[in-house]
Amino acid sequence: MSRSQILLVGGDPDITRTLEVYLGAYQFSVQKVNRGDEALTFCHQSPPDAVIINWHLPDMAGYDLCHRIRLHKRAGNTFILALLSTNERDVKLAALEAGADDVLAQPIDMENLRLVLLSAVT
């Protein structure tokens, strides 16, 4: 069985590294990009099984990135998880309306993250 490919987009470098190590320990293949435009290029060339988007990106809003991934023919069905800095209901709903399949607020419950990804990519 091949490893599920996860794309991490943006975020604090320490959190990104923690996610990379944690998910790698559970046999996910993890790629990282810092910007939304890099994520779009990656998704267009080789759509991952799941994309984890930090909602605060340097070049575009997470909402825009999510929406643009959904519009792409090859990547449009990719599982998208939004990492939010708040647990506010309006922000969660807006992420879901933009096309995210699920949302997690920080601080990240790593076990919850792993289980969400497992159910999404298997």
Protein backbone atom coordinates (compact mmCIF):
# COMPACT_ATOMS: atom_id res chain seq x y z
CA MET A 1 0.00 0.00 0.00
CA SER A 2 1.42 3.40 -0.95
CA ARG A 3 1.75 6.22 1.54
CA SER A 4 -0.88 8.93 1.42
CA GLN A 5 0.53 12.23 0.25
CA ILE A 6 -0.21 15.29 2.40
CA LEU A 7 0.57 18.86 1.37
CA LEU A 8 1.15 21.35 4.22
CA VAL A 9 0.59 24.94 3.17
CA GLY A 10 1.97 27.91 5.11
CA GLY A 11 2.02 28.41 8.81
CA ASP A 12 4.53 28.82 11.56
CA PRO A 13 7.75 26.92 10.70
CA ASP A 14 7.82 25.22 14.12
CA ILE A 15 4.22 24.01 13.79
CA THR A 16 4.83 22.90 10.21
CA ARG A 17 7.90 20.92 11.27
CA THR A 18 5.96 19.32 14.14
CA LEU A 19 3.18 18.31 11.75
CA GLU A 20 5.69 16.94 9.27
CA VAL A 21 7.42 14.78 11.89
CA TYR A 22 4.18 13.61 13.50
CA LEU A 23 2.47 12.70 10.23
CA GLY A 24 5.64 11.10 8.88
CA ALA A 25 5.72 8.83 11.92
CA TYR A 26 2.28 7.56 10.86
CA GLN A 27 3.49 6.79 7.34
CA PHE A 28 2.11 9.85 5.59
CA SER A 29 4.32 11.32 2.88
CA VAL A 30 4.47 15.05 3.67
CA GLN A 31 5.38 17.90 1.34
CA LYS A 32 5.58 21.54 2.46
CA VAL A 33 5.09 24.85 0.70
CA ASN A 34 4.91 28.32 2.21
CA ARG A 35 2.66 30.17 -0.18
CA GLY A 36 -0.70 29.69 -1.84
CA ASP A 37 0.71 30.03 -5.37
CA GLU A 38 3.19 27.23 -4.62
CA ALA A 39 0.34 25.07 -3.34
CA LEU A 40 -1.66 25.65 -6.52
CA THR A 41 1.31 24.68 -8.69
CA PHE A 42 1.86 21.53 -6.61
CA CYS A 43 -1.83 20.57 -6.74
CA HIS A 44 -2.02 21.13 -10.50
CA GLN A 45 1.08 19.04 -11.20
CA SER A 46 0.48 16.17 -8.80
CA PRO A 47 -2.68 16.42 -6.68
CA PRO A 48 -2.04 15.16 -3.15
CA ASP A 49 -4.45 13.01 -1.18
CA ALA A 50 -5.02 15.86 1.28
CA VAL A 51 -4.08 19.51 1.71
CA ILE A 52 -3.72 21.12 5.12
CA ILE A 53 -4.03 24.89 4.73
CA ASN A 54 -2.99 27.34 7.39
CA TRP A 55 -5.62 29.99 6.82
CA HIS A 56 -3.11 32.87 7.14
CA LEU A 57 -0.86 32.78 4.08
CA PRO A 58 1.58 35.48 2.96
CA ASP A 59 0.26 35.78 -0.60
CA MET A 60 -3.46 34.98 -0.48
CA ALA A 61 -6.27 34.21 1.92
CA GLY A 62 -6.88 30.58 2.80
CA TYR A 63 -10.44 31.01 1.50
CA ASP A 64 -9.09 31.97 -1.93
CA LEU A 65 -6.65 29.05 -2.05
CA CYS A 66 -9.33 26.58 -1.03
CA HIS A 67 -11.72 27.91 -3.65
CA ARG A 68 -9.05 27.84 -6.38
CA ILE A 69 -8.12 24.23 -5.57
CA ARG A 70 -11.80 23.26 -5.82
CA LEU A 71 -12.02 24.82 -9.29
CA HIS A 72 -9.13 22.78 -10.68
CA LYS A 73 -10.12 19.74 -12.71
CA ARG A 74 -7.46 17.33 -11.35
CA ALA A 75 -7.22 18.62 -7.77
CA GLY A 76 -10.85 19.57 -7.23
CA ASN A 77 -11.71 16.45 -5.22
CA THR A 78 -8.68 16.64 -2.94
CA PHE A 79 -9.49 16.55 0.78
CA ILE A 80 -8.88 20.01 2.27
CA LEU A 81 -8.38 20.62 5.97
CA ALA A 82 -8.33 24.22 7.21
CA LEU A 83 -6.12 25.04 10.19
CA LEU A 84 -7.62 28.05 11.89
CA SER A 85 -6.15 30.31 14.56
CA THR A 86 -9.57 30.72 16.15
CA ASN A 87 -12.45 28.54 17.18
CA GLU A 88 -15.06 31.14 16.20
CA ARG A 89 -18.12 29.69 14.54
CA ASP A 90 -18.27 32.31 11.74
CA VAL A 91 -14.67 31.64 10.71
CA LYS A 92 -15.27 27.87 10.69
CA LEU A 93 -18.41 28.26 8.58
CA ALA A 94 -16.65 30.56 6.13
CA ALA A 95 -13.86 27.98 5.69
CA LEU A 96 -16.41 25.25 5.02
CA GLU A 97 -18.28 27.50 2.58
CA ALA A 98 -14.99 28.14 0.74
CA GLY A 99 -14.72 24.39 0.14
CA ALA A 100 -12.81 22.99 3.12
CA ASP A 101 -13.90 19.47 4.02
CA ASP A 102 -13.07 19.93 7.69
CA VAL A 103 -11.59 22.52 10.04
CA LEU A 104 -9.33 22.33 13.08
CA ALA A 105 -8.59 25.22 15.40
CA GLN A 106 -5.22 25.75 17.01
CA PRO A 107 -3.84 24.50 19.28
CA ILE A 108 -3.95 21.37 17.18
CA ASP A 109 -5.13 18.13 18.72
CA MET A 110 -2.66 15.88 16.91
CA GLU A 111 -4.62 12.67 17.44
CA ASN A 112 -7.75 14.32 16.05
CA LEU A 113 -5.73 15.52 13.04
CA ARG A 114 -4.39 12.02 12.39
CA LEU A 115 -7.84 10.44 12.61
CA VAL A 116 -9.38 13.05 10.31
CA LEU A 117 -6.68 12.41 7.72
CA LEU A 118 -6.95 8.64 8.02
CA SER A 119 -10.69 8.73 7.44
CA ALA A 120 -10.26 11.12 4.51
CA VAL A 121 -7.55 9.33 2.55
CA THR A 122 -8.33 5.66 3.13
